[in-house]
């Protein structure tokens, strides 16, 4: 074959390779549409979390000593790392004690999770007070703040 014929074959092969490369890399690939699947609806409560906190002990207006147990249940999002803070304030809202409520089960859920806490009071205050259960809010964002209060009487 003559050199001229070889150049023709080489140019033709080059054109074929360029066209194939363009088809493979420049053309968008077809994407299959996802198939529809039925996912069960997740029931979300419209209640605020604080409405779902239940304090079983102490009952409202119960008389307690300087050390007492707070127990009940709260929804999982009330906790952070399986705990949330409890503070005790006197009748003029001065801080007089604290405790840390600990989840008694799996807390990474939206369901109710039982908790217990031993609360210790500072000083010798006696009289009306309030147990304040605080939603643990590590973000510090005010919209995530929430609390539940239970009136008590300290002996």
N, C-alpha and C. Protein backbone atom coordinates (compact mmCIF):
# COMPACT_ATOMS: atom_id res chain seq x y z
N UNK A 1 0.84 -1.18 0.00
CA UNK A 1 0.00 0.00 0.00
C UNK A 1 0.88 1.23 0.00
N UNK A 2 0.32 2.22 -0.53
CA UNK A 2 1.05 3.46 -0.58
C UNK A 2 0.91 4.20 0.75
N UNK A 3 1.82 5.09 0.99
CA UNK A 3 1.81 5.89 2.21
C UNK A 3 0.53 6.71 2.30
N UNK A 4 0.07 7.17 1.17
CA UNK A 4 -1.13 7.98 1.14
C UNK A 4 -2.33 7.18 1.65
N UNK A 5 -2.44 5.92 1.31
CA UNK A 5 -3.53 5.05 1.75
C UNK A 5 -3.44 4.82 3.26
N UNK A 6 -2.23 4.63 3.76
CA UNK A 6 -2.05 4.44 5.21
C UNK A 6 -2.53 5.66 5.99
N UNK A 7 -2.19 6.83 5.50
CA UNK A 7 -2.63 8.05 6.18
C UNK A 7 -4.16 8.14 6.17
N UNK A 8 -4.79 7.72 5.16
CA UNK A 8 -6.25 7.74 5.08
C UNK A 8 -6.86 6.81 6.13
N UNK A 9 -6.28 5.60 6.27
CA UNK A 9 -6.77 4.64 7.26
C UNK A 9 -6.54 5.18 8.67
N UNK A 10 -5.38 5.77 8.92
CA UNK A 10 -5.06 6.31 10.25
C UNK A 10 -6.02 7.45 10.60
N UNK A 11 -6.28 8.33 9.65
CA UNK A 11 -7.20 9.45 9.90
C UNK A 11 -8.61 8.93 10.15
N UNK A 12 -9.04 7.93 9.39
CA UNK A 12 -10.36 7.34 9.58
C UNK A 12 -10.47 6.70 10.96
N UNK A 13 -9.46 5.94 11.39
CA UNK A 13 -9.46 5.33 12.72
C UNK A 13 -9.48 6.41 13.81
N UNK A 14 -8.73 7.48 13.62
CA UNK A 14 -8.69 8.57 14.59
C UNK A 14 -10.08 9.21 14.74
N UNK A 15 -10.76 9.42 13.62
CA UNK A 15 -12.10 10.00 13.65
C UNK A 15 -13.07 9.07 14.38
N UNK A 16 -12.98 7.78 14.11
CA UNK A 16 -13.84 6.80 14.78
C UNK A 16 -13.59 6.81 16.29
N UNK A 17 -12.32 6.86 16.70
CA UNK A 17 -11.98 6.87 18.14
C UNK A 17 -12.51 8.14 18.80
N UNK A 18 -12.36 9.29 18.14
CA UNK A 18 -12.85 10.55 18.70
C UNK A 18 -14.36 10.51 18.86
N UNK A 19 -15.07 10.01 17.85
CA UNK A 19 -16.53 9.93 17.93
C UNK A 19 -16.95 8.99 19.06
N UNK A 20 -16.32 7.83 19.18
CA UNK A 20 -16.65 6.89 20.26
C UNK A 20 -16.36 7.50 21.63
N UNK A 21 -15.24 8.18 21.76
CA UNK A 21 -14.91 8.82 23.04
C UNK A 21 -15.95 9.88 23.38
N UNK A 22 -16.37 10.66 22.39
CA UNK A 22 -17.39 11.67 22.63
C UNK A 22 -18.70 11.02 23.06
N UNK A 23 -19.09 9.96 22.42
CA UNK A 23 -20.33 9.27 22.77
C UNK A 23 -20.25 8.71 24.19
N UNK A 24 -19.12 8.13 24.56
CA UNK A 24 -18.98 7.53 25.88
C UNK A 24 -18.86 8.55 27.00
N UNK A 25 -18.13 9.63 26.78
CA UNK A 25 -17.83 10.55 27.87
C UNK A 25 -18.62 11.86 27.85
N UNK A 26 -19.01 12.33 26.71
CA UNK A 26 -19.68 13.63 26.63
C UNK A 26 -21.19 13.51 26.73
N UNK A 27 -21.74 12.42 26.28
CA UNK A 27 -23.18 12.24 26.32
C UNK A 27 -23.58 11.85 27.75
N UNK A 28 -24.61 12.48 28.30
CA UNK A 28 -25.03 12.11 29.65
C UNK A 28 -25.60 10.69 29.67
N UNK A 29 -25.31 10.00 30.73
CA UNK A 29 -25.82 8.63 30.86
C UNK A 29 -27.29 8.69 31.27
N UNK A 30 -28.03 7.74 30.84
CA UNK A 30 -29.43 7.66 31.23
C UNK A 30 -29.50 7.23 32.69
N UNK A 31 -30.36 7.89 33.41
CA UNK A 31 -30.55 7.56 34.82
C UNK A 31 -31.96 7.02 34.96
N UNK A 32 -32.04 5.86 35.53
CA UNK A 32 -33.35 5.26 35.75
C UNK A 32 -34.07 6.01 36.87
N UNK A 33 -35.34 6.25 36.67
CA UNK A 33 -36.13 6.89 37.71
C UNK A 33 -36.31 5.91 38.86
N UNK A 34 -36.28 6.40 40.08
CA UNK A 34 -36.48 5.48 41.20
C UNK A 34 -37.88 4.91 41.17
N UNK A 35 -37.98 3.68 41.58
CA UNK A 35 -39.29 3.05 41.62
C UNK A 35 -40.00 3.49 42.88
N UNK A 36 -41.28 3.64 42.78
CA UNK A 36 -42.06 4.08 43.93
C UNK A 36 -42.15 2.95 44.94
N UNK A 37 -41.90 3.28 46.19
CA UNK A 37 -42.05 2.31 47.27
C UNK A 37 -42.97 2.92 48.30
N UNK A 38 -43.69 2.09 48.94
CA UNK A 38 -44.58 2.60 49.98
C UNK A 38 -43.84 2.54 51.30
N UNK A 39 -43.74 3.69 51.94
CA UNK A 39 -43.11 3.79 53.24
C UNK A 39 -44.20 4.08 54.25
N UNK A 40 -44.21 3.34 55.34
CA UNK A 40 -45.26 3.61 56.32
C UNK A 40 -45.14 5.02 56.87
N UNK A 41 -46.26 5.65 57.05
CA UNK A 41 -46.27 7.01 57.59
C UNK A 41 -45.78 6.99 59.03
N UNK A 42 -44.96 7.96 59.37
CA UNK A 42 -44.46 8.08 60.73
C UNK A 42 -45.34 9.08 61.46
N UNK A 43 -45.92 8.62 62.54
CA UNK A 43 -46.77 9.51 63.31
C UNK A 43 -45.91 10.47 64.11
N UNK A 44 -46.16 11.74 63.93
CA UNK A 44 -45.43 12.73 64.71
C UNK A 44 -46.42 13.43 65.62
N UNK A 45 -46.01 13.61 66.83
CA UNK A 45 -46.87 14.25 67.81
C UNK A 45 -46.82 15.76 67.62
N UNK A 46 -47.98 16.39 67.70
CA UNK A 46 -48.02 17.84 67.61
C UNK A 46 -47.88 18.46 69.00
N UNK A 47 -47.87 17.61 70.03
CA UNK A 47 -47.69 18.10 71.39
C UNK A 47 -46.26 18.58 71.59
N UNK A 48 -46.07 19.65 72.37
CA UNK A 48 -44.70 20.00 72.72
C UNK A 48 -44.12 18.90 73.61
N UNK A 49 -42.80 18.76 73.58
CA UNK A 49 -42.17 17.71 74.38
C UNK A 49 -42.52 17.83 75.85
N UNK A 50 -42.59 19.06 76.37
CA UNK A 50 -42.86 19.24 77.80
C UNK A 50 -44.22 18.67 78.20
N UNK A 51 -45.17 18.64 77.28
CA UNK A 51 -46.49 18.08 77.58
C UNK A 51 -46.43 16.57 77.75
N UNK A 52 -45.36 15.96 77.25
CA UNK A 52 -45.22 14.50 77.34
C UNK A 52 -44.35 14.05 78.51
N UNK A 53 -43.79 15.00 79.27
CA UNK A 53 -42.98 14.65 80.44
C UNK A 53 -43.93 14.32 81.58
N UNK A 54 -43.72 13.16 82.21
CA UNK A 54 -44.55 12.71 83.31
C UNK A 54 -43.66 12.54 84.54
N UNK A 55 -43.98 13.26 85.61
CA UNK A 55 -43.23 13.12 86.87
C UNK A 55 -44.08 12.29 87.81
N UNK A 56 -43.58 11.11 88.18
CA UNK A 56 -44.33 10.22 89.08
C UNK A 56 -43.95 10.44 90.53
N UNK A 57 -42.76 10.98 90.77
CA UNK A 57 -42.31 11.26 92.13
C UNK A 57 -41.31 12.40 92.09
N UNK A 58 -41.45 13.39 92.91
CA UNK A 58 -42.53 13.60 93.88
C UNK A 58 -43.79 14.14 93.20
N UNK A 59 -44.91 13.84 93.80
CA UNK A 59 -46.18 14.38 93.30
C UNK A 59 -46.24 15.87 93.60
N UNK A 60 -47.08 16.59 92.90
CA UNK A 60 -47.24 18.02 93.14
C UNK A 60 -47.60 18.28 94.60
N UNK A 61 -46.93 19.26 95.20
CA UNK A 61 -47.13 19.69 96.58
C UNK A 61 -46.73 18.65 97.62
N UNK A 62 -45.96 17.64 97.23
CA UNK A 62 -45.47 16.64 98.18
C UNK A 62 -44.42 17.27 99.08
N UNK A 63 -44.29 16.73 100.29
CA UNK A 63 -43.27 17.18 101.23
C UNK A 63 -42.06 16.27 101.08
N UNK A 64 -40.88 16.89 100.92
CA UNK A 64 -39.64 16.13 100.72
C UNK A 64 -38.57 16.62 101.69
N UNK A 65 -37.51 15.83 101.84
CA UNK A 65 -36.37 16.21 102.67
C UNK A 65 -35.29 16.88 101.84
N UNK A 66 -34.08 16.98 102.41
CA UNK A 66 -32.97 17.63 101.70
C UNK A 66 -32.37 16.76 100.60
N UNK A 67 -32.64 15.47 100.64
CA UNK A 67 -32.24 14.56 99.56
C UNK A 67 -33.49 13.77 99.20
N UNK A 68 -33.84 13.77 97.93
CA UNK A 68 -35.02 13.03 97.49
C UNK A 68 -34.84 12.57 96.05
N UNK A 69 -35.71 11.65 95.64
CA UNK A 69 -35.63 11.06 94.30
C UNK A 69 -36.73 11.65 93.42
N UNK A 70 -36.34 12.01 92.21
CA UNK A 70 -37.30 12.44 91.19
C UNK A 70 -37.35 11.34 90.15
N UNK A 71 -38.54 10.90 89.78
CA UNK A 71 -38.66 9.84 88.77
C UNK A 71 -39.86 10.11 87.89
N UNK A 72 -39.86 9.47 86.74
CA UNK A 72 -40.94 9.62 85.79
C UNK A 72 -40.52 9.16 84.42
N UNK A 73 -41.09 9.77 83.39
CA UNK A 73 -40.71 9.44 82.02
C UNK A 73 -40.76 10.70 81.17
N UNK A 74 -39.94 10.70 80.14
CA UNK A 74 -39.86 11.83 79.22
C UNK A 74 -39.57 11.29 77.82
N UNK A 75 -39.97 12.02 76.78
CA UNK A 75 -39.67 11.55 75.42
C UNK A 75 -38.16 11.59 75.17
N UNK A 76 -37.68 10.68 74.34
CA UNK A 76 -36.26 10.58 74.04
C UNK A 76 -35.57 11.88 73.68
N UNK A 77 -36.19 12.77 72.86
CA UNK A 77 -35.51 14.03 72.52
C UNK A 77 -35.30 14.98 73.71
N UNK A 78 -35.90 14.69 74.86
CA UNK A 78 -35.70 15.50 76.06
C UNK A 78 -34.29 15.29 76.61
N UNK A 79 -33.70 14.14 76.31
CA UNK A 79 -32.39 13.75 76.84
C UNK A 79 -31.27 14.15 75.88
N UNK A 80 -30.06 14.24 76.43
CA UNK A 80 -28.84 14.28 75.62
C UNK A 80 -27.84 13.38 76.32
N UNK A 81 -27.32 12.42 75.59
CA UNK A 81 -26.40 11.43 76.17
C UNK A 81 -27.02 10.77 77.40
N UNK A 82 -28.30 10.45 77.31
CA UNK A 82 -29.06 9.69 78.31
C UNK A 82 -29.28 10.43 79.62
N UNK A 83 -29.19 11.76 79.63
CA UNK A 83 -29.44 12.49 80.87
C UNK A 83 -30.01 13.88 80.58
N UNK A 84 -30.55 14.50 81.62
CA UNK A 84 -30.96 15.90 81.54
C UNK A 84 -30.88 16.49 82.95
N UNK A 85 -30.70 17.81 83.06
CA UNK A 85 -30.54 18.43 84.37
C UNK A 85 -31.88 18.70 85.07
N UNK A 86 -31.80 18.69 86.40
CA UNK A 86 -32.94 19.06 87.24
C UNK A 86 -32.42 20.11 88.21
N UNK A 87 -33.18 21.18 88.38
CA UNK A 87 -32.79 22.17 89.39
C UNK A 87 -33.97 22.39 90.33
N UNK A 88 -33.64 22.83 91.54
CA UNK A 88 -34.65 23.14 92.54
C UNK A 88 -34.51 24.62 92.86
N UNK A 89 -35.64 25.33 92.84
CA UNK A 89 -35.63 26.76 93.17
C UNK A 89 -36.62 27.01 94.30
N UNK A 90 -36.32 28.03 95.13
CA UNK A 90 -37.22 28.37 96.23
C UNK A 90 -38.37 29.23 95.70
N UNK A 91 -39.19 29.75 96.64
CA UNK A 91 -40.40 30.48 96.22
C UNK A 91 -40.11 31.78 95.48
N UNK A 92 -38.88 32.33 95.61
CA UNK A 92 -38.52 33.54 94.87
C UNK A 92 -37.54 33.23 93.74
N UNK A 93 -37.50 31.98 93.34
CA UNK A 93 -36.72 31.51 92.19
C UNK A 93 -35.20 31.51 92.41
N UNK A 94 -34.76 31.44 93.67
CA UNK A 94 -33.33 31.27 93.96
C UNK A 94 -32.97 29.80 93.86
N UNK A 95 -31.83 29.51 93.27
CA UNK A 95 -31.36 28.14 93.10
C UNK A 95 -31.00 27.55 94.47
N UNK A 96 -31.55 26.36 94.78
CA UNK A 96 -31.24 25.73 96.07
C UNK A 96 -30.82 24.27 95.95
N UNK A 97 -30.82 23.68 94.76
CA UNK A 97 -30.41 22.29 94.62
C UNK A 97 -30.41 21.83 93.19
N UNK A 98 -29.84 20.65 93.00
CA UNK A 98 -29.73 20.12 91.63
C UNK A 98 -29.67 18.59 91.64
N UNK A 99 -29.84 18.05 90.44
CA UNK A 99 -29.70 16.62 90.21
C UNK A 99 -29.57 16.38 88.71
N UNK A 100 -29.17 15.19 88.36
CA UNK A 100 -29.07 14.79 86.95
C UNK A 100 -29.96 13.57 86.77
N UNK A 101 -30.97 13.70 85.94
CA UNK A 101 -31.84 12.56 85.64
C UNK A 101 -31.14 11.66 84.63
N UNK A 102 -31.16 10.36 84.90
CA UNK A 102 -30.54 9.37 84.03
C UNK A 102 -31.61 8.50 83.40
N UNK A 103 -31.52 8.30 82.10
CA UNK A 103 -32.45 7.42 81.39
C UNK A 103 -32.27 5.99 81.90
N UNK A 104 -33.36 5.28 82.02
CA UNK A 104 -33.31 3.90 82.49
C UNK A 104 -33.46 2.90 81.34
N UNK A 105 -33.35 3.38 80.14
CA UNK A 105 -33.47 2.52 78.97
C UNK A 105 -32.89 3.23 77.76
N UNK A 106 -33.22 2.72 76.59
CA UNK A 106 -32.74 3.31 75.34
C UNK A 106 -33.35 4.69 75.16
N UNK A 107 -32.53 5.72 75.14
CA UNK A 107 -33.02 7.09 75.07
C UNK A 107 -33.03 7.64 73.65
N UNK A 108 -32.38 6.96 72.71
CA UNK A 108 -32.35 7.46 71.32
C UNK A 108 -33.59 6.99 70.58
N UNK A 109 -34.71 7.52 71.00
CA UNK A 109 -36.01 7.18 70.45
C UNK A 109 -36.91 8.39 70.62
N UNK A 110 -38.05 8.38 69.98
CA UNK A 110 -39.03 9.44 70.23
C UNK A 110 -40.05 8.99 71.27
N UNK A 111 -39.97 7.72 71.68
CA UNK A 111 -40.89 7.19 72.68
C UNK A 111 -40.54 7.68 74.08
N UNK A 112 -41.43 7.39 75.02
CA UNK A 112 -41.19 7.73 76.42
C UNK A 112 -40.07 6.86 76.98
N UNK A 113 -39.21 7.46 77.79
CA UNK A 113 -38.09 6.77 78.42
C UNK A 113 -38.15 7.12 79.91
N UNK A 114 -38.11 6.09 80.77
CA UNK A 114 -38.16 6.36 82.20
C UNK A 114 -36.84 6.94 82.68
N UNK A 115 -36.91 7.71 83.77
CA UNK A 115 -35.71 8.32 84.34
C UNK A 115 -35.81 8.31 85.86
N UNK A 116 -34.66 8.41 86.51
CA UNK A 116 -34.58 8.64 87.95
C UNK A 116 -33.43 9.60 88.20
N UNK A 117 -33.56 10.34 89.30
CA UNK A 117 -32.51 11.28 89.70
C UNK A 117 -32.55 11.43 91.21
N UNK A 118 -31.39 11.48 91.82
CA UNK A 118 -31.31 11.82 93.23
C UNK A 118 -30.94 13.30 93.31
N UNK A 119 -31.79 14.06 93.98
CA UNK A 119 -31.61 15.50 94.08
C UNK A 119 -31.11 15.84 95.48
N UNK A 120 -30.10 16.65 95.54
CA UNK A 120 -29.54 17.11 96.82
C UNK A 120 -29.69 18.62 96.91
N UNK A 121 -30.22 19.08 98.04
CA UNK A 121 -30.41 20.51 98.23
C UNK A 121 -29.19 21.12 98.89
N UNK A 122 -28.88 22.35 98.49
CA UNK A 122 -27.79 23.11 99.10
C UNK A 122 -28.36 23.86 100.31
N UNK A 123 -27.70 23.83 101.42
CA UNK A 123 -28.14 24.61 102.58
C UNK A 123 -29.26 23.97 103.35
N UNK A 124 -29.95 24.80 104.13
CA UNK A 124 -30.97 24.30 105.05
C UNK A 124 -32.34 24.92 104.76
N UNK A 125 -32.63 25.25 103.53
CA UNK A 125 -33.91 25.86 103.18
C UNK A 125 -35.05 24.92 103.53
N UNK A 126 -36.16 25.51 104.01
CA UNK A 126 -37.40 24.76 104.18
C UNK A 126 -38.54 25.67 103.74
N UNK A 127 -39.55 25.07 103.15
CA UNK A 127 -40.69 25.83 102.67
C UNK A 127 -41.03 25.45 101.24
N UNK A 128 -41.89 26.24 100.59
CA UNK A 128 -42.30 25.91 99.23
C UNK A 128 -41.13 26.05 98.25
N UNK A 129 -41.11 25.17 97.28
CA UNK A 129 -40.05 25.17 96.26
C UNK A 129 -40.62 24.57 94.98
N UNK A 130 -39.79 24.54 93.95
CA UNK A 130 -40.21 23.98 92.67
C UNK A 130 -39.11 23.11 92.10
N UNK A 131 -39.48 21.91 91.66
CA UNK A 131 -38.57 21.03 90.93
C UNK A 131 -38.72 21.41 89.46
N UNK A 132 -37.61 21.75 88.80
CA UNK A 132 -37.64 22.16 87.40
C UNK A 132 -36.84 21.15 86.58
N UNK A 133 -37.52 20.40 85.73
CA UNK A 133 -36.86 19.46 84.83
C UNK A 133 -36.56 20.21 83.54
N UNK A 134 -35.30 20.28 83.17
CA UNK A 134 -34.87 21.05 82.01
C UNK A 134 -34.55 20.12 80.84
N UNK A 135 -35.09 20.44 79.69
CA UNK A 135 -34.70 19.67 78.50
C UNK A 135 -33.22 19.92 78.26
N UNK A 136 -32.45 18.86 78.08
CA UNK A 136 -31.02 19.04 77.83
C UNK A 136 -30.86 19.65 76.44
N UNK A 137 -30.16 20.76 76.37
CA UNK A 137 -30.04 21.53 75.13
C UNK A 137 -28.58 21.87 74.88
N UNK A 138 -27.78 20.90 74.41
CA UNK A 138 -26.36 21.19 74.19
C UNK A 138 -26.12 22.22 73.09
N UNK A 139 -27.10 22.43 72.22
CA UNK A 139 -26.92 23.41 71.14
C UNK A 139 -26.93 24.84 71.67
N UNK A 140 -27.60 25.05 72.81
CA UNK A 140 -27.74 26.40 73.34
C UNK A 140 -28.75 27.25 72.59
N UNK A 141 -29.41 26.67 71.61
CA UNK A 141 -30.39 27.43 70.82
C UNK A 141 -31.67 27.61 71.65
N UNK A 142 -32.13 28.86 71.82
CA UNK A 142 -33.29 29.11 72.68
C UNK A 142 -34.55 28.37 72.24
N UNK A 143 -34.70 28.12 70.95
CA UNK A 143 -35.91 27.42 70.51
C UNK A 143 -35.94 25.97 70.97
N UNK A 144 -34.80 25.44 71.44
CA UNK A 144 -34.75 24.07 71.96
C UNK A 144 -34.89 24.02 73.48
N UNK A 145 -34.96 25.18 74.14
CA UNK A 145 -35.15 25.21 75.59
C UNK A 145 -36.57 24.79 75.92
N UNK A 146 -36.73 24.05 77.00
CA UNK A 146 -38.04 23.63 77.46
C UNK A 146 -37.89 23.17 78.90
N UNK A 147 -38.96 23.22 79.66
CA UNK A 147 -38.89 22.77 81.05
C UNK A 147 -40.27 22.36 81.54
N UNK A 148 -40.25 21.59 82.63
CA UNK A 148 -41.46 21.18 83.32
C UNK A 148 -41.23 21.46 84.79
N UNK A 149 -42.22 22.06 85.45
CA UNK A 149 -42.08 22.42 86.87
C UNK A 149 -43.10 21.69 87.71
N UNK A 150 -42.65 21.25 88.90
CA UNK A 150 -43.53 20.57 89.86
C UNK A 150 -43.34 21.26 91.21
N UNK A 151 -44.42 21.80 91.79
CA UNK A 151 -44.29 22.44 93.11
C UNK A 151 -44.12 21.38 94.20
N UNK A 152 -43.25 21.68 95.18
CA UNK A 152 -43.02 20.78 96.32
C UNK A 152 -42.90 21.62 97.58
N UNK A 153 -42.85 20.95 98.72
CA UNK A 153 -42.59 21.60 100.00
C UNK A 153 -41.40 20.90 100.62
N UNK A 154 -40.39 21.68 101.00
CA UNK A 154 -39.18 21.10 101.60
C UNK A 154 -39.29 21.23 103.11
N UNK A 155 -39.04 20.12 103.83
CA UNK A 155 -39.11 20.10 105.29
C UNK A 155 -37.91 20.75 105.88
